[in-house]
Amino acid sequence: MDYRVVLDPAGERTWKGRCVSGDEEDCGAESLVLGSEQAPTDWMAVHTKQTGHERFERIYKDYALVRKVE
């Protein structure tokens, strides 16, 4: 059987940013879990302005459904 994965329209999508700048260890500062892609982008820009840090991990989470292809 063939299956396909689709976005679950009932599932929440979230975005978060985490600062991974640092020589010896990561800064580790994190944005809140936010409901749009732009919000952590804005947080990263503010964090960079305040600290000079430029390297971030972007974390995206969603929910998926697996459907049988007829």
N, C-alpha and C. Protein backbone atom coordinates (compact mmCIF):
# COMPACT_ATOMS: atom_id res chain seq x y z
N MET A 1 0.83 -1.18 0.00
CA MET A 1 0.00 0.00 0.00
C MET A 1 0.87 1.24 0.00
N ASP A 2 0.38 2.26 -0.68
CA ASP A 2 1.08 3.54 -0.71
C ASP A 2 0.41 4.50 0.27
N TYR A 3 1.24 5.29 0.90
CA TYR A 3 0.75 6.28 1.86
C TYR A 3 1.34 7.64 1.54
N ARG A 4 0.67 8.67 2.00
CA ARG A 4 1.21 10.02 1.88
C ARG A 4 1.03 10.73 3.22
N VAL A 5 1.91 11.65 3.48
CA VAL A 5 1.86 12.41 4.73
C VAL A 5 1.36 13.81 4.40
N VAL A 6 0.37 14.25 5.16
CA VAL A 6 -0.21 15.58 4.94
C VAL A 6 -0.26 16.33 6.27
N LEU A 7 -0.25 17.65 6.18
CA LEU A 7 -0.37 18.50 7.35
C LEU A 7 -1.73 18.28 8.00
N ASP A 8 -1.75 18.08 9.31
CA ASP A 8 -3.00 17.94 10.05
C ASP A 8 -3.58 19.33 10.26
N PRO A 9 -4.71 19.66 9.61
CA PRO A 9 -5.26 21.01 9.74
C PRO A 9 -5.74 21.33 11.16
N ALA A 10 -6.00 20.30 11.97
CA ALA A 10 -6.44 20.53 13.35
C ALA A 10 -5.26 20.69 14.30
N GLY A 11 -4.05 20.38 13.84
CA GLY A 11 -2.86 20.46 14.69
C GLY A 11 -2.28 21.86 14.72
N GLU A 12 -1.72 22.20 15.85
CA GLU A 12 -1.08 23.51 16.01
C GLU A 12 0.31 23.48 15.39
N ARG A 13 0.70 24.58 14.75
CA ARG A 13 2.07 24.74 14.25
C ARG A 13 2.75 25.78 15.13
N THR A 14 3.98 25.49 15.54
CA THR A 14 4.70 26.42 16.40
C THR A 14 6.13 26.62 15.92
N TRP A 15 6.70 27.76 16.27
CA TRP A 15 8.06 28.12 15.92
C TRP A 15 8.76 28.62 17.17
N LYS A 16 10.07 28.42 17.21
CA LYS A 16 10.88 28.88 18.35
C LYS A 16 12.30 29.13 17.84
N GLY A 17 12.99 30.04 18.48
CA GLY A 17 14.39 30.30 18.16
C GLY A 17 15.24 30.03 19.39
N ARG A 18 16.47 29.53 19.17
CA ARG A 18 17.41 29.27 20.26
C ARG A 18 18.79 29.73 19.81
N CYS A 19 19.44 30.53 20.64
CA CYS A 19 20.77 31.05 20.30
C CYS A 19 21.82 29.97 20.55
N VAL A 20 22.58 29.66 19.51
CA VAL A 20 23.65 28.67 19.62
C VAL A 20 25.02 29.33 19.38
N SER A 21 25.08 30.64 19.56
CA SER A 21 26.35 31.36 19.46
C SER A 21 27.18 31.08 20.70
N GLY A 22 28.46 31.10 20.54
CA GLY A 22 29.37 30.93 21.67
C GLY A 22 30.58 30.11 21.28
N ASP A 23 31.71 30.41 21.89
CA ASP A 23 32.95 29.70 21.59
C ASP A 23 33.04 28.37 22.34
N GLU A 24 32.92 28.42 23.64
CA GLU A 24 33.04 27.21 24.47
C GLU A 24 31.72 26.46 24.59
N GLU A 25 30.63 27.20 24.77
CA GLU A 25 29.30 26.58 24.85
C GLU A 25 28.27 27.55 24.31
N ASP A 26 27.10 27.02 23.95
CA ASP A 26 26.03 27.84 23.37
C ASP A 26 25.51 28.84 24.38
N CYS A 27 25.09 30.01 23.90
CA CYS A 27 24.42 31.00 24.74
C CYS A 27 23.19 30.37 25.38
N GLY A 28 22.37 29.69 24.56
CA GLY A 28 21.21 28.96 25.07
C GLY A 28 19.96 29.77 25.27
N ALA A 29 19.99 31.08 25.03
CA ALA A 29 18.78 31.88 25.16
C ALA A 29 17.74 31.39 24.16
N GLU A 30 16.48 31.34 24.58
CA GLU A 30 15.41 30.83 23.72
C GLU A 30 14.24 31.79 23.70
N SER A 31 13.60 31.88 22.55
CA SER A 31 12.35 32.63 22.45
C SER A 31 11.25 31.80 23.09
N LEU A 32 10.13 32.41 23.27
CA LEU A 32 8.95 31.65 23.66
C LEU A 32 8.54 30.77 22.49
N VAL A 33 7.69 29.78 22.73
CA VAL A 33 7.09 29.02 21.64
C VAL A 33 6.01 29.91 21.07
N LEU A 34 6.11 30.17 19.78
CA LEU A 34 5.26 31.18 19.16
C LEU A 34 4.46 30.60 18.00
N GLY A 35 3.35 31.25 17.68
CA GLY A 35 2.43 30.74 16.68
C GLY A 35 2.61 31.28 15.28
N SER A 36 3.76 31.89 15.00
CA SER A 36 4.02 32.33 13.63
C SER A 36 5.52 32.30 13.38
N GLU A 37 5.89 32.18 12.12
CA GLU A 37 7.31 32.14 11.76
C GLU A 37 8.00 33.47 12.00
N GLN A 38 7.27 34.57 11.84
CA GLN A 38 7.88 35.90 11.98
C GLN A 38 8.26 36.22 13.42
N ALA A 39 7.51 35.74 14.39
CA ALA A 39 7.76 36.09 15.79
C ALA A 39 9.16 35.66 16.28
N PRO A 40 9.61 34.41 16.06
CA PRO A 40 10.97 34.08 16.48
C PRO A 40 12.03 34.79 15.64
N THR A 41 11.71 35.11 14.40
CA THR A 41 12.64 35.88 13.57
C THR A 41 12.87 37.25 14.20
N ASP A 42 11.79 37.87 14.65
CA ASP A 42 11.90 39.17 15.33
C ASP A 42 12.71 39.03 16.62
N TRP A 43 12.46 37.95 17.38
CA TRP A 43 13.18 37.73 18.63
C TRP A 43 14.68 37.57 18.34
N MET A 44 15.04 36.82 17.29
CA MET A 44 16.45 36.63 16.94
C MET A 44 17.11 37.96 16.60
N ALA A 45 16.40 38.82 15.88
CA ALA A 45 16.95 40.12 15.51
C ALA A 45 17.21 40.97 16.75
N VAL A 46 16.29 40.96 17.70
CA VAL A 46 16.48 41.72 18.94
C VAL A 46 17.64 41.14 19.75
N HIS A 47 17.71 39.81 19.84
CA HIS A 47 18.80 39.17 20.58
C HIS A 47 20.16 39.51 19.96
N THR A 48 20.23 39.51 18.64
CA THR A 48 21.48 39.87 17.96
C THR A 48 21.86 41.32 18.26
N LYS A 49 20.86 42.20 18.22
CA LYS A 49 21.14 43.62 18.50
C LYS A 49 21.65 43.80 19.93
N GLN A 50 21.09 43.05 20.87
CA GLN A 50 21.48 43.19 22.28
C GLN A 50 22.82 42.52 22.60
N THR A 51 23.15 41.43 21.91
CA THR A 51 24.30 40.61 22.30
C THR A 51 25.39 40.50 21.24
N GLY A 52 25.04 40.75 19.99
CA GLY A 52 25.99 40.53 18.90
C GLY A 52 26.00 39.08 18.42
N HIS A 53 25.24 38.22 19.05
CA HIS A 53 25.18 36.81 18.65
C HIS A 53 24.46 36.68 17.30
N GLU A 54 24.97 35.80 16.45
CA GLU A 54 24.44 35.70 15.08
C GLU A 54 24.03 34.31 14.66
N ARG A 55 24.19 33.31 15.51
CA ARG A 55 23.90 31.93 15.10
C ARG A 55 22.76 31.37 15.94
N PHE A 56 21.72 30.88 15.26
CA PHE A 56 20.52 30.41 15.93
C PHE A 56 20.05 29.08 15.37
N GLU A 57 19.39 28.33 16.21
CA GLU A 57 18.67 27.13 15.79
C GLU A 57 17.21 27.54 15.67
N ARG A 58 16.61 27.25 14.51
CA ARG A 58 15.18 27.53 14.35
C ARG A 58 14.43 26.21 14.52
N ILE A 59 13.44 26.21 15.36
CA ILE A 59 12.73 24.99 15.71
C ILE A 59 11.27 25.14 15.27
N TYR A 60 10.84 24.25 14.39
CA TYR A 60 9.49 24.26 13.86
C TYR A 60 8.83 22.94 14.23
N LYS A 61 7.57 23.01 14.65
CA LYS A 61 6.85 21.79 15.01
C LYS A 61 5.46 21.86 14.41
N ASP A 62 5.05 20.73 13.83
CA ASP A 62 3.68 20.62 13.36
C ASP A 62 3.18 19.20 13.57
N TYR A 63 1.98 18.96 13.17
CA TYR A 63 1.38 17.63 13.28
C TYR A 63 0.99 17.16 11.88
N ALA A 64 1.14 15.88 11.67
CA ALA A 64 0.89 15.31 10.34
C ALA A 64 -0.08 14.13 10.45
N LEU A 65 -0.73 13.88 9.34
CA LEU A 65 -1.59 12.71 9.20
C LEU A 65 -1.01 11.84 8.10
N VAL A 66 -1.10 10.53 8.26
CA VAL A 66 -0.68 9.60 7.22
C VAL A 66 -1.95 9.04 6.61
N ARG A 67 -2.07 9.20 5.29
CA ARG A 67 -3.27 8.76 4.58
C ARG A 67 -2.92 7.70 3.55
N LYS A 68 -3.78 6.72 3.43
CA LYS A 68 -3.59 5.70 2.40
C LYS A 68 -3.98 6.30 1.05
N VAL A 69 -3.12 6.08 0.05
CA VAL A 69 -3.40 6.55 -1.29
C VAL A 69 -4.30 5.51 -1.94
N GLU A 70 -5.41 5.95 -2.42
CA GLU A 70 -6.39 5.02 -3.07
C GLU A 70 -5.96 4.69 -4.48
